Amino acid sequence: TIMCTGDNPLTAATIAREAGVDDFI
């Protein structure tokens, strides 16, 4: 699973960690 978001890397990393996705952009 890869999450794509327009958020900055820090916000994206926090959401990705909380949601449990494998990677994010």
PDB file of all heavy atoms in Angstrom:
ATOM      1  N   THR A   1       0.837  -1.200   0.000  1.00  0.00           N
ATOM      2  CA  THR A   1       0.000   0.000   0.000  1.00  0.00           C
ATOM      3  C   THR A   1       0.874   1.252   0.000  1.00  0.00           C
ATOM      4  O   THR A   1       1.839   1.348   0.763  1.00  0.00           O
ATOM      5  CB  THR A   1      -0.931   0.027   1.220  1.00  0.00           C
ATOM      6  OG1 THR A   1      -0.159  -0.163   2.412  1.00  0.00           O
ATOM      7  CG2 THR A   1      -1.975  -1.068   1.120  1.00  0.00           C
ATOM      8  N   ILE A   2       0.507   2.201  -0.865  1.00  0.00           N
ATOM      9  CA  ILE A   2       1.236   3.473  -0.970  1.00  0.00           C
ATOM     10  C   ILE A   2       0.236   4.613  -0.857  1.00  0.00           C
ATOM     11  O   ILE A   2      -0.722   4.675  -1.627  1.00  0.00           O
ATOM     12  CB  ILE A   2       1.995   3.577  -2.310  1.00  0.00           C
ATOM     13  CG1 ILE A   2       2.980   2.419  -2.473  1.00  0.00           C
ATOM     14  CG2 ILE A   2       2.737   4.912  -2.399  1.00  0.00           C
ATOM     15  CD1 ILE A   2       3.680   2.391  -3.824  1.00  0.00           C
ATOM     16  N   MET A   3       0.455   5.500   0.102  1.00  0.00           N
ATOM     17  CA  MET A   3      -0.428   6.650   0.296  1.00  0.00           C
ATOM     18  C   MET A   3       0.145   7.863  -0.434  1.00  0.00           C
ATOM     19  O   MET A   3       1.326   8.184  -0.304  1.00  0.00           O
ATOM     20  CB  MET A   3      -0.557   6.960   1.787  1.00  0.00           C
ATOM     21  CG  MET A   3      -1.442   8.152   2.101  1.00  0.00           C
ATOM     22  SD  MET A   3      -1.422   8.589   3.867  1.00  0.00           S
ATOM     23  CE  MET A   3       0.175   9.444   3.981  1.00  0.00           C
ATOM     24  N   CYS A   4      -0.714   8.538  -1.210  1.00  0.00           N
ATOM     25  CA  CYS A   4      -0.321   9.770  -1.883  1.00  0.00           C
ATOM     26  C   CYS A   4      -1.044  10.939  -1.242  1.00  0.00           C
ATOM     27  O   CYS A   4      -2.251  10.878  -1.013  1.00  0.00           O
ATOM     28  CB  CYS A   4      -0.681   9.709  -3.372  1.00  0.00           C
ATOM     29  SG  CYS A   4       0.322   8.559  -4.315  1.00  0.00           S
ATOM     30  N   THR A   5      -0.295  11.980  -0.944  1.00  0.00           N
ATOM     31  CA  THR A   5      -0.906  13.145  -0.302  1.00  0.00           C
ATOM     32  C   THR A   5      -0.157  14.413  -0.677  1.00  0.00           C
ATOM     33  O   THR A   5       1.046  14.377  -0.960  1.00  0.00           O
ATOM     34  CB  THR A   5      -0.907  12.981   1.241  1.00  0.00           C
ATOM     35  OG1 THR A   5      -1.403  14.171   1.831  1.00  0.00           O
ATOM     36  CG2 THR A   5       0.492  12.717   1.766  1.00  0.00           C
ATOM     37  N   GLY A   6      -0.875  15.508  -0.671  1.00  0.00           N
ATOM     38  CA  GLY A   6      -0.251  16.799  -0.933  1.00  0.00           C
ATOM     39  C   GLY A   6       0.372  17.391   0.313  1.00  0.00           C
ATOM     40  O   GLY A   6       0.990  18.463   0.252  1.00  0.00           O
ATOM     41  N   ASP A   7       0.236  16.702   1.449  1.00  0.00           N
ATOM     42  CA  ASP A   7       0.804  17.208   2.701  1.00  0.00           C
ATOM     43  C   ASP A   7       2.326  17.183   2.664  1.00  0.00           C
ATOM     44  O   ASP A   7       2.940  16.471   1.852  1.00  0.00           O
ATOM     45  CB  ASP A   7       0.318  16.354   3.883  1.00  0.00           C
ATOM     46  CG  ASP A   7      -1.159  16.573   4.176  1.00  0.00           C
ATOM     47  OD1 ASP A   7      -1.665  17.661   3.862  1.00  0.00           O
ATOM     48  OD2 ASP A   7      -1.802  15.647   4.700  1.00  0.00           O
ATOM     49  N   ASN A   8       2.927  17.924   3.587  1.00  0.00           N
ATOM     50  CA  ASN A   8       4.389  17.921   3.684  1.00  0.00           C
ATOM     51  C   ASN A   8       4.855  16.570   4.223  1.00  0.00           C
ATOM     52  O   ASN A   8       4.061  15.807   4.793  1.00  0.00           O
ATOM     53  CB  ASN A   8       4.867  19.076   4.571  1.00  0.00           C
ATOM     54  CG  ASN A   8       4.380  18.942   6.007  1.00  0.00           C
ATOM     55  OD1 ASN A   8       4.710  17.987   6.698  1.00  0.00           O
ATOM     56  ND2 ASN A   8       3.564  19.898   6.452  1.00  0.00           N
ATOM     57  N   PRO A   9       6.135  16.246   4.065  1.00  0.00           N
ATOM     58  CA  PRO A   9       6.637  14.915   4.456  1.00  0.00           C
ATOM     59  C   PRO A   9       6.381  14.549   5.908  1.00  0.00           C
ATOM     60  O   PRO A   9       6.105  13.386   6.215  1.00  0.00           O
ATOM     61  CB  PRO A   9       8.142  15.026   4.166  1.00  0.00           C
ATOM     62  CG  PRO A   9       8.234  16.043   3.073  1.00  0.00           C
ATOM     63  CD  PRO A   9       7.168  17.044   3.381  1.00  0.00           C
ATOM     64  N   LEU A  10       6.453  15.528   6.811  1.00  0.00           N
ATOM     65  CA  LEU A  10       6.264  15.228   8.230  1.00  0.00           C
ATOM     66  C   LEU A  10       4.825  14.820   8.524  1.00  0.00           C
ATOM     67  O   LEU A  10       4.565  13.827   9.223  1.00  0.00           O
ATOM     68  CB  LEU A  10       6.655  16.446   9.073  1.00  0.00           C
ATOM     69  CG  LEU A  10       6.932  16.193  10.560  1.00  0.00           C
ATOM     70  CD1 LEU A  10       7.976  15.104  10.749  1.00  0.00           C
ATOM     71  CD2 LEU A  10       7.385  17.488  11.231  1.00  0.00           C
ATOM     72  N   THR A  11       3.868  15.586   7.986  1.00  0.00           N
ATOM     73  CA  THR A  11       2.455  15.242   8.161  1.00  0.00           C
ATOM     74  C   THR A  11       2.152  13.900   7.520  1.00  0.00           C
ATOM     75  O   THR A  11       1.452  13.051   8.088  1.00  0.00           O
ATOM     76  CB  THR A  11       1.551  16.327   7.540  1.00  0.00           C
ATOM     77  OG1 THR A  11       1.821  17.575   8.164  1.00  0.00           O
ATOM     78  CG2 THR A  11       0.080  15.972   7.719  1.00  0.00           C
ATOM     79  N   ALA A  12       2.677  13.717   6.299  1.00  0.00           N
ATOM     80  CA  ALA A  12       2.442  12.469   5.570  1.00  0.00           C
ATOM     81  C   ALA A  12       2.977  11.277   6.344  1.00  0.00           C
ATOM     82  O   ALA A  12       2.320  10.228   6.433  1.00  0.00           O
ATOM     83  CB  ALA A  12       3.099  12.538   4.193  1.00  0.00           C
ATOM     84  N   ALA A  13       4.175  11.424   6.933  1.00  0.00           N
ATOM     85  CA  ALA A  13       4.778  10.328   7.696  1.00  0.00           C
ATOM     86  C   ALA A  13       3.941   9.986   8.924  1.00  0.00           C
ATOM     87  O   ALA A  13       3.768   8.812   9.271  1.00  0.00           O
ATOM     88  CB  ALA A  13       6.196  10.699   8.107  1.00  0.00           C
ATOM     89  N   THR A  14       3.390  11.020   9.575  1.00  0.00           N
ATOM     90  CA  THR A  14       2.563  10.795  10.765  1.00  0.00           C
ATOM     91  C   THR A  14       1.285  10.043  10.422  1.00  0.00           C
ATOM     92  O   THR A  14       0.916   9.072  11.092  1.00  0.00           O
ATOM     93  CB  THR A  14       2.202  12.142  11.431  1.00  0.00           C
ATOM     94  OG1 THR A  14       3.409  12.838  11.767  1.00  0.00           O
ATOM     95  CG2 THR A  14       1.374  11.919  12.685  1.00  0.00           C
ATOM     96  N   ILE A  15       0.618  10.486   9.357  1.00  0.00           N
ATOM     97  CA  ILE A  15      -0.618   9.826   8.922  1.00  0.00           C
ATOM     98  C   ILE A  15      -0.324   8.401   8.461  1.00  0.00           C
ATOM     99  O   ILE A  15      -1.071   7.461   8.771  1.00  0.00           O
ATOM    100  CB  ILE A  15      -1.291  10.622   7.790  1.00  0.00           C
ATOM    101  CG1 ILE A  15      -1.732  11.998   8.296  1.00  0.00           C
ATOM    102  CG2 ILE A  15      -2.473   9.858   7.218  1.00  0.00           C
ATOM    103  CD1 ILE A  15      -2.833  11.968   9.319  1.00  0.00           C
ATOM    104  N   ALA A  16       0.770   8.219   7.709  1.00  0.00           N
ATOM    105  CA  ALA A  16       1.133   6.891   7.201  1.00  0.00           C
ATOM    106  C   ALA A  16       1.408   5.929   8.350  1.00  0.00           C
ATOM    107  O   ALA A  16       0.993   4.763   8.323  1.00  0.00           O
ATOM    108  CB  ALA A  16       2.359   6.998   6.299  1.00  0.00           C
ATOM    109  N   ARG A  17       2.084   6.423   9.366  1.00  0.00           N
ATOM    110  CA  ARG A  17       2.398   5.585  10.528  1.00  0.00           C
ATOM    111  C   ARG A  17       1.127   5.221  11.287  1.00  0.00           C
ATOM    112  O   ARG A  17       0.936   4.081  11.706  1.00  0.00           O
ATOM    113  CB  ARG A  17       3.383   6.319  11.436  1.00  0.00           C
ATOM    114  CG  ARG A  17       3.854   5.512  12.626  1.00  0.00           C
ATOM    115  CD  ARG A  17       4.998   6.189  13.361  1.00  0.00           C
ATOM    116  NE  ARG A  17       4.658   7.531  13.805  1.00  0.00           N
ATOM    117  CZ  ARG A  17       5.122   8.661  13.249  1.00  0.00           C
ATOM    118  NH1 ARG A  17       5.957   8.595  12.223  1.00  0.00           N
ATOM    119  NH2 ARG A  17       4.763   9.848  13.712  1.00  0.00           N
ATOM    120  N   GLU A  18       0.246   6.194  11.445  1.00  0.00           N
ATOM    121  CA  GLU A  18      -1.001   5.949  12.182  1.00  0.00           C
ATOM    122  C   GLU A  18      -1.921   4.995  11.421  1.00  0.00           C
ATOM    123  O   GLU A  18      -2.570   4.135  12.013  1.00  0.00           O
ATOM    124  CB  GLU A  18      -1.727   7.277  12.422  1.00  0.00           C
ATOM    125  CG  GLU A  18      -2.984   7.144  13.269  1.00  0.00           C
ATOM    126  CD  GLU A  18      -3.661   8.479  13.501  1.00  0.00           C
ATOM    127  OE1 GLU A  18      -3.014   9.526  13.276  1.00  0.00           O
ATOM    128  OE2 GLU A  18      -4.840   8.477  13.917  1.00  0.00           O
ATOM    129  N   ALA A  19      -1.964   5.137  10.082  1.00  0.00           N
ATOM    130  CA  ALA A  19      -2.851   4.300   9.269  1.00  0.00           C
ATOM    131  C   ALA A  19      -2.267   2.918   9.012  1.00  0.00           C
ATOM    132  O   ALA A  19      -3.011   1.962   8.781  1.00  0.00           O
ATOM    133  CB  ALA A  19      -3.142   4.989   7.936  1.00  0.00           C
ATOM    134  N   GLY A  20      -0.924   2.816   9.017  1.00  0.00           N
ATOM    135  CA  GLY A  20      -0.298   1.514   8.805  1.00  0.00           C
ATOM    136  C   GLY A  20      -0.024   1.180   7.354  1.00  0.00           C
ATOM    137  O   GLY A  20       0.060  -0.003   6.998  1.00  0.00           O
ATOM    138  N   VAL A  21       0.135   2.211   6.502  1.00  0.00           N
ATOM    139  CA  VAL A  21       0.461   1.941   5.097  1.00  0.00           C
ATOM    140  C   VAL A  21       1.943   1.605   4.978  1.00  0.00           C
ATOM    141  O   VAL A  21       2.746   1.942   5.847  1.00  0.00           O
ATOM    142  CB  VAL A  21       0.106   3.136   4.181  1.00  0.00           C
ATOM    143  CG1 VAL A  21      -1.388   3.378   4.168  1.00  0.00           C
ATOM    144  CG2 VAL A  21       0.840   4.393   4.600  1.00  0.00           C
ATOM    145  N   ASP A  22       2.321   0.955   3.865  1.00  0.00           N
ATOM    146  CA  ASP A  22       3.703   0.512   3.685  1.00  0.00           C
ATOM    147  C   ASP A  22       4.623   1.641   3.239  1.00  0.00           C
ATOM    148  O   ASP A  22       5.812   1.639   3.543  1.00  0.00           O
ATOM    149  CB  ASP A  22       3.752  -0.630   2.653  1.00  0.00           C
ATOM    150  CG  ASP A  22       2.986  -1.849   3.119  1.00  0.00           C
ATOM    151  OD1 ASP A  22       3.124  -2.200   4.298  1.00  0.00           O
ATOM    152  OD2 ASP A  22       2.238  -2.432   2.315  1.00  0.00           O
ATOM    153  N   ASP A  23       4.092   2.582   2.462  1.00  0.00           N
ATOM    154  CA  ASP A  23       4.929   3.655   1.927  1.00  0.00           C
ATOM    155  C   ASP A  23       4.042   4.874   1.674  1.00  0.00           C
ATOM    156  O   ASP A  23       2.806   4.759   1.673  1.00  0.00           O
ATOM    157  CB  ASP A  23       5.596   3.203   0.618  1.00  0.00           C
ATOM    158  CG  ASP A  23       6.803   4.060   0.251  1.00  0.00           C
ATOM    159  OD1 ASP A  23       7.121   5.008   1.014  1.00  0.00           O
ATOM    160  OD2 ASP A  23       7.414   3.802  -0.802  1.00  0.00           O
ATOM    161  N   PHE A  24       4.663   6.021   1.450  1.00  0.00           N
ATOM    162  CA  PHE A  24       3.874   7.216   1.159  1.00  0.00           C
ATOM    163  C   PHE A  24       4.653   8.152   0.242  1.00  0.00           C
ATOM    164  O   PHE A  24       5.886   8.081   0.150  1.00  0.00           O
ATOM    165  CB  PHE A  24       3.494   7.946   2.452  1.00  0.00           C
ATOM    166  CG  PHE A  24       4.671   8.541   3.195  1.00  0.00           C
ATOM    167  CD1 PHE A  24       5.113   9.835   2.924  1.00  0.00           C
ATOM    168  CD2 PHE A  24       5.335   7.811   4.162  1.00  0.00           C
ATOM    169  CE1 PHE A  24       6.198  10.375   3.591  1.00  0.00           C
ATOM    170  CE2 PHE A  24       6.419   8.347   4.848  1.00  0.00           C
ATOM    171  CZ  PHE A  24       6.853   9.629   4.552  1.00  0.00           C
ATOM    172  N   ILE A  25       3.909   8.995  -0.446  1.00  0.00           N
ATOM    173  CA  ILE A  25       4.502  10.039  -1.285  1.00  0.00           C
ATOM    174  C   ILE A  25       3.925  11.361  -0.814  1.00  0.00           C
ATOM    175  O   ILE A  25       2.714  11.588  -0.914  1.00  0.00           O
ATOM    176  CB  ILE A  25       4.191   9.818  -2.778  1.00  0.00           C
ATOM    177  CG1 ILE A  25       4.757   8.474  -3.236  1.00  0.00           C
ATOM    178  CG2 ILE A  25       4.738  10.950  -3.627  1.00  0.00           C
ATOM    179  CD1 ILE A  25       4.371   8.114  -4.650  1.00  0.00           C
TER     180      ILE A  25
END
